[in-house]
Protein backbone atom coordinates (compact mmCIF):
# COMPACT_ATOMS: atom_id res chain seq x y z
CA UNK A 1 0.15 -0.41 0.21
CA UNK A 2 1.36 3.63 -0.47
CA UNK A 3 2.07 5.66 2.72
CA UNK A 4 -0.01 8.73 2.17
CA UNK A 5 -3.56 8.48 2.85
CA UNK A 6 -6.61 9.50 1.29
CA UNK A 7 -7.81 13.00 2.15
CA UNK A 8 -9.86 15.70 0.59
CA UNK A 9 -6.70 17.79 -0.08
CA UNK A 10 -4.20 14.84 -1.09
CA UNK A 11 -2.37 17.04 -2.90
CA UNK A 12 1.07 14.77 -2.94
CA UNK A 13 -1.21 11.14 -3.49
CA UNK A 14 -2.34 13.04 -6.77
CA UNK A 15 1.42 13.64 -7.91
CA UNK A 16 1.89 9.89 -9.14
CA UNK A 17 -1.64 9.94 -10.99
CA UNK A 18 -2.34 9.86 -14.73
CA UNK A 19 -4.26 13.12 -15.96
CA UNK A 20 -6.21 14.91 -18.73
CA UNK A 21 -4.06 17.32 -20.74
CA UNK A 22 -6.55 20.00 -20.31
CA UNK A 23 -10.77 20.82 -20.49
CA UNK A 24 -11.66 19.07 -23.85
CA UNK A 25 -9.70 15.83 -23.37
CA UNK A 26 -11.40 15.43 -20.02
CA UNK A 27 -15.16 16.23 -21.49
CA UNK A 28 -14.20 13.99 -24.69
CA UNK A 29 -13.19 11.07 -22.04
CA UNK A 30 -16.23 11.65 -20.04
CA UNK A 31 -18.35 11.77 -23.41
CA UNK A 32 -16.64 8.39 -24.90
CA UNK A 33 -17.65 6.96 -21.41
CA UNK A 34 -21.26 8.16 -21.79
CA UNK A 35 -21.55 7.18 -25.33
CA UNK A 36 -21.15 3.86 -25.74
CA UNK A 37 -23.55 0.63 -26.17
CA UNK A 38 -26.12 2.34 -23.42
CA UNK A 39 -27.00 4.91 -26.39
CA UNK A 40 -26.26 2.98 -29.44
CA UNK A 41 -27.67 -0.48 -28.22
CA UNK A 42 -29.52 -0.12 -25.40
CA UNK A 43 -31.50 3.56 -25.96
CA UNK A 44 -33.35 2.67 -28.91
CA UNK A 45 -34.78 -0.45 -27.82
CA UNK A 46 -35.79 0.76 -24.93
CA UNK A 47 -37.05 3.83 -26.42
CA UNK A 48 -38.86 1.76 -28.96
CA UNK A 49 -40.36 -0.49 -26.18
CA UNK A 50 -41.98 1.85 -23.72
CA UNK A 51 -43.24 4.04 -25.75
CA UNK A 52 -41.00 6.40 -27.99
CA UNK A 53 -41.54 9.94 -27.53
CA UNK A 54 -42.40 10.00 -23.71
CA UNK A 55 -39.95 7.84 -22.94
CA UNK A 56 -37.79 10.20 -24.39
CA UNK A 57 -39.55 13.30 -22.36
CA UNK A 58 -39.02 11.40 -19.48
CA UNK A 59 -35.11 9.80 -19.80
CA UNK A 60 -34.40 13.76 -20.87
CA UNK A 61 -36.12 15.34 -17.53
CA UNK A 62 -34.34 12.36 -15.16
CA UNK A 63 -31.37 12.86 -17.09
CA UNK A 64 -31.23 16.97 -16.47
CA UNK A 65 -32.09 16.48 -13.05
CA UNK A 66 -31.02 13.16 -11.16
CA UNK A 67 -28.40 12.54 -13.79
CA UNK A 68 -26.62 15.92 -13.69
CA UNK A 69 -26.94 15.99 -9.66
CA UNK A 70 -25.26 12.48 -9.42
CA UNK A 71 -22.46 13.28 -12.10
CA UNK A 72 -21.87 16.46 -10.36
CA UNK A 73 -21.69 14.20 -6.77
CA UNK A 74 -19.08 11.65 -8.44
CA UNK A 75 -16.42 14.08 -10.85
CA UNK A 76 -16.53 16.63 -7.32
CA UNK A 77 -15.85 13.69 -5.08
CA UNK A 78 -13.12 12.49 -7.35
CA UNK A 79 -11.33 15.87 -7.71
CA UNK A 80 -11.51 16.26 -4.14
CA UNK A 81 -9.84 13.27 -2.75
CA UNK A 82 -7.86 12.95 -6.11
CA UNK A 83 -8.43 8.87 -5.52
CA UNK A 84 -10.88 6.13 -7.24
CA UNK A 85 -13.84 4.86 -5.90
CA UNK A 86 -12.65 3.32 -2.97
CA UNK A 87 -9.95 5.75 -2.28
CA UNK A 88 -12.53 8.67 -2.29
CA UNK A 89 -15.01 7.36 0.37
CA UNK A 90 -11.86 5.90 2.61
CA UNK A 91 -10.84 9.67 2.90
CA UNK A 92 -14.18 10.24 4.64
CA UNK A 93 -13.67 7.13 7.12
CA UNK A 94 -12.50 3.63 7.36
CA UNK A 95 -15.64 1.79 8.88
CA UNK A 96 -17.30 -0.95 6.89
CA UNK A 97 -19.81 1.77 5.05
CA UNK A 98 -17.33 3.39 3.65
CA UNK A 99 -15.22 0.38 2.43
CA UNK A 100 -18.33 -1.00 1.05
CA UNK A 101 -19.38 2.06 -0.72
CA UNK A 102 -16.14 2.50 -2.33
CA UNK A 103 -16.01 -0.98 -3.03
CA UNK A 104 -19.69 -1.47 -4.68
CA UNK A 105 -18.71 1.82 -6.86
CA UNK A 106 -14.75 0.23 -7.55
CA UNK A 107 -16.62 -3.52 -8.89
CA UNK A 108 -19.31 -2.53 -10.74
CA UNK A 109 -17.22 -1.49 -13.68
CA UNK A 110 -14.87 -4.95 -13.14
CA UNK A 111 -17.95 -7.02 -13.78
CA UNK A 112 -19.43 -4.98 -16.15
CA UNK A 113 -16.71 -4.57 -18.76
CA UNK A 114 -16.16 -8.19 -19.73
CA UNK A 115 -19.40 -9.28 -20.60
CA UNK A 116 -19.85 -5.59 -22.69
CA UNK A 117 -16.66 -6.35 -24.36
CA UNK A 118 -18.54 -9.43 -25.41
CA UNK A 119 -20.83 -7.40 -26.87
CA UNK A 120 -18.27 -5.31 -28.23
CA UNK A 121 -17.18 -8.89 -30.15
CA UNK A 122 -20.33 -9.58 -31.49
CA UNK A 123 -20.23 -5.97 -33.12
CA UNK A 124 -16.84 -6.50 -34.57
CA UNK A 125 -17.97 -10.03 -35.95
CA UNK A 126 -21.12 -8.05 -37.90
CA UNK A 127 -19.00 -5.14 -38.79
CA UNK A 128 -16.52 -8.14 -40.68
CA UNK A 129 -19.26 -9.50 -42.42
CA UNK A 130 -20.83 -6.50 -43.69
CA UNK A 131 -17.14 -5.20 -44.88
CA UNK A 132 -16.97 -9.02 -46.62
CA UNK A 133 -20.63 -8.20 -48.16
CA UNK A 134 -22.71 -10.85 -46.41
CA UNK A 135 -25.75 -8.65 -45.94
CA UNK A 136 -28.07 -11.47 -46.93
CA UNK A 137 -26.44 -13.63 -45.09
CA UNK A 138 -26.27 -11.33 -41.44
CA UNK A 139 -30.89 -11.16 -42.03
CA UNK A 140 -30.81 -14.80 -42.39
CA UNK A 141 -33.33 -16.44 -39.56
CA UNK A 142 -31.31 -18.22 -37.36
CA UNK A 143 -27.81 -16.70 -37.67
CA UNK A 144 -27.49 -14.65 -35.07
CA UNK A 145 -28.29 -17.19 -32.68
CA UNK A 146 -26.10 -19.81 -34.36
CA UNK A 147 -23.24 -17.48 -33.73
CA UNK A 148 -23.16 -16.82 -30.36
CA UNK A 149 -23.72 -20.52 -29.67
CA UNK A 150 -20.77 -21.18 -31.70
CA UNK A 151 -17.82 -21.05 -28.75
CA UNK A 152 -15.24 -20.64 -30.72
CA UNK A 153 -15.89 -17.89 -33.12
CA UNK A 154 -17.93 -15.83 -30.39
CA UNK A 155 -14.78 -16.56 -28.07
CA UNK A 156 -12.48 -15.22 -30.45
CA UNK A 157 -14.25 -12.47 -31.31
CA UNK A 158 -14.60 -11.53 -27.76
CA UNK A 159 -11.16 -11.72 -27.42
CA UNK A 160 -9.92 -9.58 -30.16
CA UNK A 161 -11.94 -6.83 -28.93
CA UNK A 162 -10.73 -7.32 -25.35
CA UNK A 163 -6.95 -6.77 -26.62
CA UNK A 164 -7.94 -3.68 -27.92
CA UNK A 165 -9.22 -2.42 -24.97
CA UNK A 166 -5.90 -3.63 -22.82
CA UNK A 167 -3.64 -2.13 -25.67
CA UNK A 168 -5.09 1.58 -24.92
CA UNK A 169 -5.13 1.17 -21.42
CA UNK A 170 -1.41 0.21 -21.49
CA UNK A 171 -0.75 3.57 -23.28
CA UNK A 172 -2.25 5.80 -20.10
CA UNK A 173 -4.21 8.60 -19.92
CA UNK A 174 -3.06 11.27 -22.21
CA UNK A 175 -1.19 8.99 -24.75
CA UNK A 176 -4.28 6.37 -24.71
CA UNK A 177 -7.74 7.49 -23.31
CA UNK A 178 -7.14 10.88 -24.12
CA UNK A 179 -5.67 10.49 -28.13
CA UNK A 180 -8.20 7.57 -28.79
CA UNK A 181 -11.27 9.71 -27.48
CA UNK A 182 -10.09 12.50 -29.56
CA UNK A 183 -10.07 10.60 -32.49
CA UNK A 184 -13.24 8.38 -31.76
CA UNK A 185 -15.75 11.12 -30.53
CA UNK A 186 -15.86 13.42 -33.44
CA UNK A 187 -15.59 10.36 -36.17
CA UNK A 188 -18.70 8.85 -34.44
CA UNK A 189 -20.73 12.06 -34.42
CA UNK A 190 -20.23 12.02 -38.27
CA UNK A 191 -21.15 8.40 -38.27
CA UNK A 192 -24.20 8.70 -36.57
CA UNK A 193 -25.45 11.91 -38.64
CA UNK A 194 -24.81 10.27 -41.42
CA UNK A 195 -26.83 6.75 -41.13
CA UNK A 196 -29.53 8.75 -38.89
CA UNK A 197 -29.97 10.73 -42.22
CA UNK A 198 -30.23 7.51 -44.74
CA UNK A 199 -31.98 5.99 -42.19
CA UNK A 200 -35.11 9.00 -42.20
CA UNK A 201 -35.05 9.16 -45.67
CA UNK A 202 -36.34 5.38 -46.35
CA UNK A 203 -39.98 4.84 -47.41
CA UNK A 204 -42.19 4.84 -44.65
CA UNK A 205 -39.41 6.18 -42.08
CA UNK A 206 -41.32 9.07 -41.14
CA UNK A 207 -43.82 7.48 -38.97
CA UNK A 208 -41.32 6.27 -37.04
CA UNK A 209 -39.39 9.56 -36.50
CA UNK A 210 -42.95 10.64 -35.27
CA UNK A 211 -43.41 7.82 -32.71
CA UNK A 212 -39.89 8.55 -31.57
CA UNK A 213 -39.86 12.41 -31.36
CA UNK A 214 -43.17 13.33 -30.43
CA UNK A 215 -44.84 12.43 -26.80
CA UNK A 216 -48.06 10.37 -26.76
CA UNK A 217 -49.36 10.09 -23.21
CA UNK A 218 -51.32 6.69 -24.19
CA UNK A 219 -47.93 5.08 -24.47
CA UNK A 220 -47.68 5.96 -21.14
CA UNK A 221 -47.19 3.59 -18.35
CA UNK A 222 -45.33 3.15 -14.89
CA UNK A 223 -42.64 1.13 -16.33
CA UNK A 224 -41.56 4.22 -18.73
CA UNK A 225 -40.27 5.79 -15.52
CA UNK A 226 -38.53 2.96 -14.68
CA UNK A 227 -37.17 1.75 -17.81
CA UNK A 228 -36.31 5.50 -18.15
CA UNK A 229 -34.64 5.48 -14.61
CA UNK A 230 -32.28 2.74 -15.56
CA UNK A 231 -30.99 3.83 -19.27
CA UNK A 232 -29.99 7.01 -17.51
CA UNK A 233 -27.57 4.95 -15.09
CA UNK A 234 -26.14 2.77 -17.80
CA UNK A 235 -26.38 5.94 -20.37
CA UNK A 236 -24.74 8.42 -18.13
CA UNK A 237 -21.73 6.16 -16.37
CA UNK A 238 -23.24 6.82 -13.10
CA UNK A 239 -22.56 4.27 -10.10
CA UNK A 240 -20.08 2.68 -12.22
CA UNK A 241 -16.88 4.35 -10.32
CA UNK A 242 -15.88 5.65 -13.94
CA UNK A 243 -16.52 9.44 -13.04
CA UNK A 244 -14.84 9.21 -9.61
CA UNK A 245 -11.92 7.85 -11.68
CA UNK A 246 -12.13 10.54 -14.61
CA UNK A 247 -12.71 13.57 -11.45
CA UNK A 248 -9.73 12.45 -9.98
CA UNK A 249 -7.38 13.20 -13.26
CA UNK A 250 -8.64 16.50 -14.07
CA UNK A 251 -7.48 19.71 -12.63
CA UNK A 252 -8.97 22.64 -10.30
CA UNK A 253 -9.75 24.74 -13.16
CA UNK A 254 -11.75 22.51 -15.57
CA UNK A 255 -15.49 24.10 -14.89
CA UNK A 256 -17.27 21.24 -13.28
CA UNK A 257 -20.64 22.52 -14.37
CA UNK A 258 -19.87 23.48 -17.69
CA UNK A 259 -18.32 19.93 -18.37
CA UNK A 260 -21.53 18.03 -17.29
CA UNK A 261 -23.95 20.19 -19.12
CA UNK A 262 -21.17 19.72 -22.51
CA UNK A 263 -22.00 15.96 -21.54
CA UNK A 264 -25.46 16.16 -20.95
CA UNK A 265 -25.46 17.42 -24.47
CA UNK A 266 -23.58 15.52 -25.96
CA UNK A 267 -24.78 12.00 -24.68
CA UNK A 268 -28.63 13.10 -25.32
CA UNK A 269 -27.40 14.16 -29.09
CA UNK A 270 -25.90 10.04 -29.97
CA UNK A 271 -29.20 8.74 -28.09
CA UNK A 272 -31.38 10.58 -29.87
CA UNK A 273 -29.14 10.00 -33.53
CA UNK A 274 -29.32 6.61 -32.43
CA UNK A 275 -33.31 6.43 -31.86
CA UNK A 276 -33.40 7.92 -35.39
CA UNK A 277 -30.86 5.33 -36.44
CA UNK A 278 -32.87 2.29 -35.60
CA UNK A 279 -37.01 3.32 -35.01
CA UNK A 280 -37.61 5.21 -38.42
CA UNK A 281 -35.46 2.06 -40.43
CA UNK A 282 -37.71 -0.30 -38.41
CA UNK A 283 -40.73 1.26 -39.14
CA UNK A 284 -39.97 1.32 -42.66
CA UNK A 285 -39.26 -2.44 -42.67
CA UNK A 286 -42.15 -3.40 -40.44
CA UNK A 287 -44.79 -0.73 -40.89
CA UNK A 288 -44.55 0.22 -37.01
CA UNK A 289 -45.30 -3.44 -36.38
CA UNK A 290 -45.70 -3.95 -32.04
CA UNK A 291 -43.44 -7.12 -32.03
CA UNK A 292 -40.86 -5.62 -34.31
CA UNK A 293 -40.64 -2.64 -32.21
CA UNK A 294 -40.42 -4.80 -28.99
CA UNK A 295 -37.63 -7.02 -30.06
CA UNK A 296 -35.42 -5.45 -27.63
CA UNK A 297 -31.94 -6.21 -27.42
CA UNK A 298 -32.01 -8.63 -30.55
CA UNK A 299 -32.93 -5.37 -32.10
CA UNK A 300 -29.43 -4.72 -33.08
CA UNK A 301 -28.60 -7.92 -34.24
CA UNK A 302 -31.20 -9.65 -35.89
CA UNK A 303 -34.11 -6.93 -36.72
CA UNK A 304 -31.61 -4.00 -38.16
CA UNK A 305 -29.66 -6.50 -40.59
CA UNK A 306 -32.96 -7.33 -41.98
CA UNK A 307 -33.56 -4.09 -42.36
CA UNK A 308 -30.40 -3.06 -44.49
CA UNK A 309 -30.99 -6.42 -46.31
CA UNK A 310 -34.08 -4.51 -47.69
CA UNK A 311 -32.26 -1.26 -48.85
CA UNK A 312 -30.21 -0.64 -51.70
CA UNK A 313 -27.30 0.49 -49.98
CA UNK A 314 -27.53 -2.21 -47.24
CA UNK A 315 -23.93 -3.59 -47.31
CA UNK A 316 -22.79 0.51 -47.19
CA UNK A 317 -25.24 1.36 -44.25
CA UNK A 318 -24.17 -1.81 -42.36
CA UNK A 319 -20.65 -1.11 -42.68
CA UNK A 320 -21.57 2.43 -41.54
CA UNK A 321 -23.82 1.28 -38.43
CA UNK A 322 -21.58 -1.10 -37.01
CA UNK A 323 -18.43 1.22 -37.29
CA UNK A 324 -20.50 3.61 -35.33
CA UNK A 325 -21.34 0.82 -32.83
CA UNK A 326 -17.89 -0.22 -32.43
CA UNK A 327 -16.41 3.08 -32.23
CA UNK A 328 -18.92 3.63 -29.14
CA UNK A 329 -18.32 0.43 -27.62
CA UNK A 330 -14.30 0.46 -27.33
CA UNK A 331 -14.25 4.44 -25.45
CA UNK A 332 -17.37 3.17 -22.82
CA UNK A 333 -15.03 -0.39 -22.75
CA UNK A 334 -11.77 2.21 -21.98
CA UNK A 335 -13.59 4.26 -19.27
CA UNK A 336 -15.16 0.79 -17.57
CA UNK A 337 -11.85 -0.76 -17.56
CA UNK A 338 -9.56 1.90 -16.41
CA UNK A 339 -11.91 2.84 -13.42
CA UNK A 340 -10.30 -1.56 -12.32
CA UNK A 341 -7.51 -0.12 -13.33
CA UNK A 342 -6.86 2.93 -11.09
CA UNK A 343 -8.57 0.81 -8.21
CA UNK A 344 -5.96 -1.41 -8.69
CA UNK A 345 -3.04 1.45 -8.78
CA UNK A 346 -4.72 2.78 -5.80
CA UNK A 347 -5.51 0.11 -3.50
CA UNK A 348 -2.59 -2.40 -4.07
CA UNK A 349 0.27 0.30 -4.59
CA UNK A 350 0.85 -1.47 -7.72
CA UNK A 351 1.79 0.23 -11.19
CA UNK A 352 -0.11 0.87 -14.14
CA UNK A 353 1.34 -2.09 -15.91
CA UNK A 354 0.83 -4.72 -13.69
CA UNK A 355 -3.12 -2.92 -12.44
CA UNK A 356 -3.40 -3.32 -16.38
CA UNK A 357 -2.64 -7.13 -16.81
CA UNK A 358 -4.95 -7.97 -13.61
CA UNK A 359 -7.90 -6.07 -15.14
CA UNK A 360 -6.83 -8.01 -18.38
CA UNK A 361 -6.77 -11.35 -16.65
CA UNK A 362 -10.37 -10.24 -14.94
CA UNK A 363 -11.67 -9.68 -18.63
CA UNK A 364 -10.75 -12.75 -20.05
CA UNK A 365 -11.77 -14.65 -17.47
CA UNK A 366 -15.51 -13.43 -16.40
CA UNK A 367 -15.66 -12.11 -20.20
CA UNK A 368 -15.09 -16.32 -21.45
CA UNK A 369 -17.95 -17.67 -19.27
CA UNK A 370 -20.41 -14.59 -20.55
CA UNK A 371 -19.53 -15.51 -24.35
CA UNK A 372 -20.09 -19.15 -23.60
CA UNK A 373 -23.23 -18.84 -21.97
CA UNK A 374 -25.16 -19.09 -25.08
CA UNK A 375 -23.42 -22.46 -26.09
CA UNK A 376 -20.84 -24.52 -24.02
CA UNK A 377 -22.73 -23.04 -20.72
CA UNK A 378 -25.85 -22.73 -21.38
CA UNK A 379 -26.74 -24.92 -18.36
CA UNK A 380 -25.47 -22.09 -15.86
CA UNK A 381 -28.70 -20.06 -16.03
CA UNK A 382 -29.18 -18.14 -12.69
CA UNK A 383 -32.85 -17.01 -12.13
CA UNK A 384 -33.24 -18.46 -15.80
CA UNK A 385 -30.92 -15.89 -17.08
CA UNK A 386 -27.93 -16.48 -19.55
CA UNK A 387 -24.67 -15.61 -17.51
CA UNK A 388 -24.39 -12.33 -19.72
CA UNK A 389 -27.74 -11.28 -19.02
CA UNK A 390 -27.27 -12.24 -15.10
CA UNK A 391 -24.22 -9.78 -15.15
CA UNK A 392 -26.53 -7.16 -16.86
CA UNK A 393 -29.22 -7.77 -14.28
CA UNK A 394 -26.78 -7.86 -11.10
CA UNK A 395 -24.60 -4.52 -12.16
CA UNK A 396 -27.64 -2.57 -13.70
CA UNK A 397 -30.43 -3.40 -11.72
CA UNK A 398 -29.51 -4.16 -8.53
CA UNK A 399 -25.65 -2.82 -7.62
CA UNK A 400 -25.98 0.51 -9.40
CA UNK A 401 -28.83 1.77 -7.41
CA UNK A 402 -27.07 0.55 -4.41
CA UNK A 403 -23.74 2.55 -5.62
CA UNK A 404 -25.90 5.57 -6.45
CA UNK A 405 -27.72 5.16 -3.06
CA UNK A 406 -23.79 4.89 -1.21
CA UNK A 407 -23.36 8.68 -3.08
CA UNK A 408 -26.02 9.82 -2.00
CA UNK A 409 -25.59 9.33 1.56
CA UNK A 410 -22.16 10.26 1.14
CA UNK A 411 -22.87 13.54 -0.17
CA UNK A 412 -25.99 14.35 2.50
CA UNK A 413 -24.73 12.72 5.36
CA UNK A 414 -21.28 12.97 5.89
CA UNK A 415 -19.03 14.86 3.29
CA UNK A 416 -22.11 17.80 3.47
CA UNK A 417 -23.70 19.33 0.53
CA UNK A 418 -21.67 22.69 1.70
CA UNK A 419 -18.40 20.80 0.85
CA UNK A 420 -19.20 19.44 -2.67
CA UNK A 421 -20.19 23.13 -3.17
CA UNK A 422 -17.19 24.39 -2.47
CA UNK A 423 -15.29 21.86 -4.55
CA UNK A 424 -17.25 22.59 -7.50
CA UNK A 425 -17.55 26.48 -6.92
CA UNK A 426 -13.40 26.53 -6.86
CA UNK A 427 -14.15 26.67 -10.66
CA UNK A 428 -18.13 26.79 -11.66
CA UNK A 429 -20.41 29.37 -11.00
CA UNK A 430 -22.87 26.32 -9.74
CA UNK A 431 -26.25 27.96 -11.42
CA UNK A 432 -28.23 24.59 -10.15
CA UNK A 433 -27.28 24.43 -6.51
CA UNK A 434 -30.50 25.21 -5.69
CA UNK A 435 -31.83 22.16 -7.62
CA UNK A 436 -28.83 19.85 -7.41
CA UNK A 437 -29.51 20.03 -3.49
CA UNK A 438 -32.81 19.41 -3.49
CA UNK A 439 -32.45 16.28 -5.20
CA UNK A 440 -29.44 14.89 -3.90
CA UNK A 441 -31.05 15.28 -0.39
CA UNK A 442 -34.21 14.45 -1.05
CA UNK A 443 -35.53 13.15 -4.57
CA UNK A 444 -32.34 11.36 -5.62
CA UNK A 445 -32.90 8.62 -2.66
CA UNK A 446 -36.29 7.64 -3.80
CA UNK A 447 -35.68 7.56 -7.63
CA UNK A 448 -32.84 4.84 -6.35
CA UNK A 449 -34.71 3.24 -4.48
CA UNK A 450 -37.84 2.50 -6.76
CA UNK A 451 -35.63 1.59 -9.33
CA UNK A 452 -34.21 -1.30 -6.97
CA UNK A 453 -37.15 -2.67 -5.60
CA UNK A 454 -38.42 -2.61 -8.97
CA UNK A 455 -35.73 -4.42 -10.64
CA UNK A 456 -36.03 -7.04 -7.84
CA UNK A 457 -39.90 -7.50 -8.31
CA UNK A 458 -39.81 -7.62 -12.12
CA UNK A 459 -36.98 -10.71 -11.65
CA UNK A 460 -39.08 -12.40 -9.10
CA UNK A 461 -42.08 -11.96 -11.67
CA UNK A 462 -43.92 -9.57 -9.33
CA UNK A 463 -44.31 -7.04 -12.20
CA UNK A 464 -43.63 -7.59 -16.17
CA UNK A 465 -40.72 -5.18 -17.48
C-alpha cells in the first residue's frame, strides 16, 4: 500500500496519478464513457418498447435533474480526494459503510467490462461480415443465435475486442484514453449523423420519426419511468466508479458544472441520433409492427440486419452502422476498464502496467464465461438468465442503484452538500446548486429505491418490464 492516506486535499497522493491535458480531453473522455452501447444498443430498443416520444421526454427530464446531480457529485468527490471510488469513500472514514460504498462502486465496472466486451466482439464480427459483403447472410433467420452458440467463433471475437481495450489502457491516460477519445468521438458523431439521415429518408420511415420524437401520453406507463431511470444510469456512466476516477484526473481549473452540461448535451444528442438511426428504419421495414418494435436487445443484431438487407445501400449502411457502434463500444469499454485499473493502482500500490494486466485477466475470465453462456455453458442459468444477462441484471439493476444510494448518503450525511459546493465552485458558478441540493437530499434517494425495488420485483415475476 502507498504511504500517503487519501484525504480531501491529498495533493501529494495526486502527483503520481495520470491526468488529462486539459478541459477538452476530459470532456471527450467522459463523453466517450457515456456514449457507448448504452446509447447505440440499449437506448433505441427501450425507447421503441416503452412509448417512443414519451420515453424520450421522461429520460430527458431525469437526465437533466437526477443525472446531473449524480454526475456532479461523483466528479467533485473524485477531484476533491484525487482517488478512485474506494479511496474517495475512505477519505471520509475507514469503517465498513465507507469500505462497502467505495468497493461496490469500484467492482461494478470490473463486472460490466467483461460482458460488455463480449457484445463488442459481436459488433466486430458483424462489421467484418458487412465488409465482406455478407448482408443477406446476416439477415438470415437463426444467424445470430447460431453465431453466439459457437463458442470458438464468439470467444475469438471477444478476445480480439478485449485486447484492443487493454492495448489502449497500457498507453495511459493522455497517450491512450485521451488520444483515442479525441479521434473516435468526432468520427462517431459524423457517422451517426450520416446513418440517421439515411435511415430517416427510407420510404415509410417518417412515421418512426414521429413515434420517437413526439410524446404520446397514451403510450405512458409506470414502466416507462422505471426503464428511463435504469437507462440513465447505464447511459451516463453513473454509479460505475468511472466519474470518480476521471474526476481524480482533472485539474482544479476544470469547470465541473459546464463540463457536466457538455456531457449531457453530447450524450443526449447521440442517444437521439441512435433512436433516429434505428426506429425509423424499423418502421420502414415493418410498418411499425409492435412485435418488431419490442424486439428488445435483439433489435440491433437481428432486426436491423433484416432492415439493411431490404435497402438498396444495405451493405454500405451496415458497414457505417457497425463501425459507429464499434467506436461507441470501445470508448465505453476503455473507461470501464480504466476505473478498475485506477482502483488497483490506488488500493494495491501497483504500477499501471501490473494493474492493467490484472484488469485484462478479469476481462478474459468473466468475459469467456459470458461468451460461452449461450453455448457450452448454457446450462448455467441463474434466475433463468444466461450468464451475460445475469451479469447485466446484477450490475445494472441491483448494484448500480445501491452504489448511487451510497454516493447520495456520502454527500448528504458525511461530506455535506456545502463541501461539494465548495469543490465545484472553485471553477464553476454552480448555477443549478439549488436544484442539486433538493435532488441529492430528497428526490434522488427515492428514485434510486424505486429502481431497485422494481428490478427485484421484475426478476421475481411480480411485475413485467
